[in-house]
Amino acid sequence: MFRETLLSELYEKKMVLLKIILGVSLFVALAGAAIHTLEPHTFDSLLDGIWWAIVTISTVGYGDFVPKSITGRLLGILLIVVGIALFSFFVTNLAASTLLIKEQSEKGLGTAQHASHLLIIGWNERSKLLIEQTHQLSPSKSIVLVDETLLQLPVQYRYVRFIKGNPKLDETLTRANIGHADTIVITASLHVEERLADANTILTLLTVKGLAPTTYTIAELLTSEQYKNAKRAGADEIIEASQHVGMLLTNGTHHHGLIDVIRKLITQNQTKHLCIAPLPHDYIGKRFGTICNQASTSDRFLLGICRAHEAILHPSEKCVLQQGDELIYVKR
């Protein structure tokens, strides 16, 4: 992430670098022409003069061409001094730019240049887990984090591009390159009261959908009061944290051990236990009971289907599958 930012910053300064390169090239050409004119017997051609000027300005010369006149040697001294000055200029500026960009990157003051990245809004334990599991499952996946409370991104998350700022502002999300994100996750803040946190989530969601209306967005709510507003604001999926935890506790109370079963089902690892996949073309028109037997031979245990964004668990065996359906299954 840091390397990409550094290259991006250098690219933005390409016109300045180009002018410097053109200026140095012109100076070298003039110096080569001058030494060829001053000492034509030592420097037989213009190319020899330019070669000597390049070698002298970049190092201190190879010794294959040595000026014999006082004027030629003075020109050589000038080239050596200019070469040292240019080298010091480049090294100093590169080091300063590198340190500045590194500091900006760690403190979230830069911009993201990624595409098809996962954009996470909010820094908390849930977003930490999301970052870690996403990186574990897809190490090449670009991740961008937006948060206004985090002072500096912890070093163990150096693979994450951090953008510091208010996520309810267009400028902050633009710096996160929201227009090129493929998925956006808005986590609820735990620093404020629940209702205020949900209100902030709705405002952030409105900003997100204003800038990226077609990007798949998941929003976390702490209560159920803002569920309809989140839907109206354009959330593709909504996690009602309190309700989901409450349902887990209820199920755990009545069916001991069920919480562990659910945890294992939704825990993402290399085997990806619980999955949703598009319906294969050759399954269209078949009955659910028929494909259950076929799927069992491919290490898939079917739980149901997803139709029109609605999950249908354990449908009738006579249920006919339609185009656009998705399969919900457990992978062995």
Foldseek 3Di string as FASTA:
>chain_A
DLVVLLVVVVVVCVVVVVVVVVVVLVVLLVQLVVLCVVCCPQQVDSVSSSVQLVQCLQDNGPPSGDDDDPVNVVSSVVSNVNSVVVVVVVVVVSVVSSVVSVVCQFQQNAFDPDAQAEEEEDDDPVVVVVLVLVCQQPVVHAYEYEEAPDRGDDPVVVSHGYHHDQLLDLVRVVSHVLQRYQEYEYEFDPPDDQVVSQVSQLSSLLSSCVRHVPHAYEYEHQACPCVVSSVVSRHPYYHHPPVVVVVLVVCCVVPPPVNVVVCVCCDDDNQNFKDKAADDPVLAFPFQLVVQVVVVVVQKHWQAKQDPNRTDGPDDRRDGHHHPIITITTGD
